[in-house]
Amino acid sequence: MCGTESVADMVQAYQDWAKSAFERLMADAVACQDQIVAATGALTAPLLAPSEKGTEPARTESKVTTRGKAT
C-alpha cells in the first residue's frame, strides 16, 4: 500500500475521481447534443424568400440617349 492511506481511503478517492470523470463526460455529451440540435434546426429551416424590395436592379426614371438628352 501507499503508506498511511487505508483501502477505504483509496476506494473513496477512486469513487470521487470516477464521479467527476462521469460528470465531465455527461456535460460534454449534453453540449454535443445541443450542437447537433442547432445544426439540424439550421438544416431543416425553410429557405428565406428574397424580399420584394431589392430583387431587381434599381431603375432610373429617365433614360439617357447617346446624345446626352433625357427622354
C-alpha atoms as a PDB file:
ATOM      1  CA  MET A   1       0.000   0.000   0.000  1.00  0.00           C
ATOM      2  CA  CYS A   2       0.883   3.666  -0.100  1.00  0.00           C
ATOM      3  CA  GLY A   3       1.916   4.492   3.460  1.00  0.00           C
ATOM      4  CA  THR A   4      -0.828   5.836   5.720  1.00  0.00           C
ATOM      5  CA  GLU A   5      -3.732   5.511   3.256  1.00  0.00           C
ATOM      6  CA  SER A   6      -6.215   2.808   4.065  1.00  0.00           C
ATOM      7  CA  VAL A   7      -8.052   0.762   1.487  1.00  0.00           C
ATOM      8  CA  ALA A   8     -11.245   2.687   2.287  1.00  0.00           C
ATOM      9  CA  ASP A   9      -9.462   5.987   1.571  1.00  0.00           C
ATOM     10  CA  MET A  10      -8.204   4.674  -1.763  1.00  0.00           C
ATOM     11  CA  VAL A  11     -11.652   3.404  -2.735  1.00  0.00           C
ATOM     12  CA  GLN A  12     -13.181   6.761  -1.785  1.00  0.00           C
ATOM     13  CA  ALA A  13     -10.582   8.631  -3.854  1.00  0.00           C
ATOM     14  CA  TYR A  14     -11.298   6.363  -6.842  1.00  0.00           C
ATOM     15  CA  GLN A  15     -15.055   6.881  -6.462  1.00  0.00           C
ATOM     16  CA  ASP A  16     -14.584  10.657  -6.320  1.00  0.00           C
ATOM     17  CA  TRP A  17     -12.423  10.558  -9.454  1.00  0.00           C
ATOM     18  CA  ALA A  18     -14.882   8.305 -11.311  1.00  0.00           C
ATOM     19  CA  LYS A  19     -17.845  10.511 -10.350  1.00  0.00           C
ATOM     20  CA  SER A  20     -16.045  13.636 -11.540  1.00  0.00           C
ATOM     21  CA  ALA A  21     -14.970  11.965 -14.792  1.00  0.00           C
ATOM     22  CA  PHE A  22     -18.536  10.781 -15.461  1.00  0.00           C
ATOM     23  CA  GLU A  23     -19.939  14.271 -14.753  1.00  0.00           C
ATOM     24  CA  ARG A  24     -17.483  15.799 -17.254  1.00  0.00           C
ATOM     25  CA  LEU A  25     -18.390  13.133 -19.817  1.00  0.00           C
ATOM     26  CA  MET A  26     -22.106  13.857 -19.417  1.00  0.00           C
ATOM     27  CA  ALA A  27     -21.536  17.623 -19.686  1.00  0.00           C
ATOM     28  CA  ASP A  28     -19.672  17.042 -22.965  1.00  0.00           C
ATOM     29  CA  ALA A  29     -22.487  14.794 -24.219  1.00  0.00           C
ATOM     30  CA  VAL A  30     -25.109  17.464 -23.456  1.00  0.00           C
ATOM     31  CA  ALA A  31     -23.019  20.133 -25.216  1.00  0.00           C
ATOM     32  CA  CYS A  32     -22.617  17.834 -28.225  1.00  0.00           C
ATOM     33  CA  GLN A  33     -26.365  17.156 -28.277  1.00  0.00           C
ATOM     34  CA  ASP A  34     -27.056  20.916 -28.189  1.00  0.00           C
ATOM     35  CA  GLN A  35     -24.748  21.422 -31.174  1.00  0.00           C
ATOM     36  CA  ILE A  36     -26.432  18.623 -33.129  1.00  0.00           C
ATOM     37  CA  VAL A  37     -29.895  20.041 -32.401  1.00  0.00           C
ATOM     38  CA  ALA A  38     -28.772  23.515 -33.513  1.00  0.00           C
ATOM     39  CA  ALA A  39     -27.187  22.198 -36.711  1.00  0.00           C
ATOM     40  CA  THR A  40     -30.213  20.062 -37.522  1.00  0.00           C
ATOM     41  CA  GLY A  41     -32.513  23.018 -36.942  1.00  0.00           C
ATOM     42  CA  ALA A  42     -30.451  25.152 -39.300  1.00  0.00           C
ATOM     43  CA  LEU A  43     -30.508  22.469 -41.981  1.00  0.00           C
ATOM     44  CA  THR A  44     -34.246  21.847 -41.748  1.00  0.00           C
ATOM     45  CA  ALA A  45     -35.292  25.511 -41.531  1.00  0.00           C
ATOM     46  CA  PRO A  46     -37.187  26.786 -44.558  1.00  0.00           C
ATOM     47  CA  LEU A  47     -35.191  28.812 -47.023  1.00  0.00           C
ATOM     48  CA  LEU A  48     -35.563  32.535 -46.741  1.00  0.00           C
ATOM     49  CA  ALA A  49     -37.536  34.013 -49.615  1.00  0.00           C
ATOM     50  CA  PRO A  50     -35.997  37.119 -51.157  1.00  0.00           C
ATOM     51  CA  SER A  51     -37.758  40.289 -50.186  1.00  0.00           C
ATOM     52  CA  GLU A  52     -39.737  42.127 -52.835  1.00  0.00           C
ATOM     53  CA  LYS A  53     -37.566  45.169 -52.381  1.00  0.00           C
ATOM     54  CA  GLY A  54     -34.150  44.864 -53.877  1.00  0.00           C
ATOM     55  CA  THR A  55     -34.827  41.781 -56.005  1.00  0.00           C
ATOM     56  CA  GLU A  56     -34.484  43.751 -59.247  1.00  0.00           C
ATOM     57  CA  PRO A  57     -31.861  46.338 -60.102  1.00  0.00           C
ATOM     58  CA  ALA A  58     -32.881  49.908 -59.464  1.00  0.00           C
ATOM     59  CA  ARG A  59     -34.460  51.532 -62.493  1.00  0.00           C
ATOM     60  CA  THR A  60     -33.802  55.094 -63.440  1.00  0.00           C
ATOM     61  CA  GLU A  61     -36.799  57.274 -64.095  1.00  0.00           C
ATOM     62  CA  SER A  62     -35.476  58.598 -67.375  1.00  0.00           C
ATOM     63  CA  LYS A  63     -33.231  57.058 -69.980  1.00  0.00           C
ATOM     64  CA  VAL A  64     -30.294  58.958 -71.393  1.00  0.00           C
ATOM     65  CA  THR A  65     -29.808  58.823 -75.166  1.00  0.00           C
ATOM     66  CA  THR A  66     -26.435  58.726 -76.818  1.00  0.00           C
ATOM     67  CA  ARG A  67     -26.547  62.495 -77.258  1.00  0.00           C
ATOM     68  CA  GLY A  68     -26.907  63.037 -73.516  1.00  0.00           C
ATOM     69  CA  LYS A  69     -30.531  64.216 -73.581  1.00  0.00           C
ATOM     70  CA  ALA A  70     -33.088  62.781 -71.219  1.00  0.00           C
ATOM     71  CA  THR A  71     -36.193  61.299 -72.813  1.00  0.00           C
END
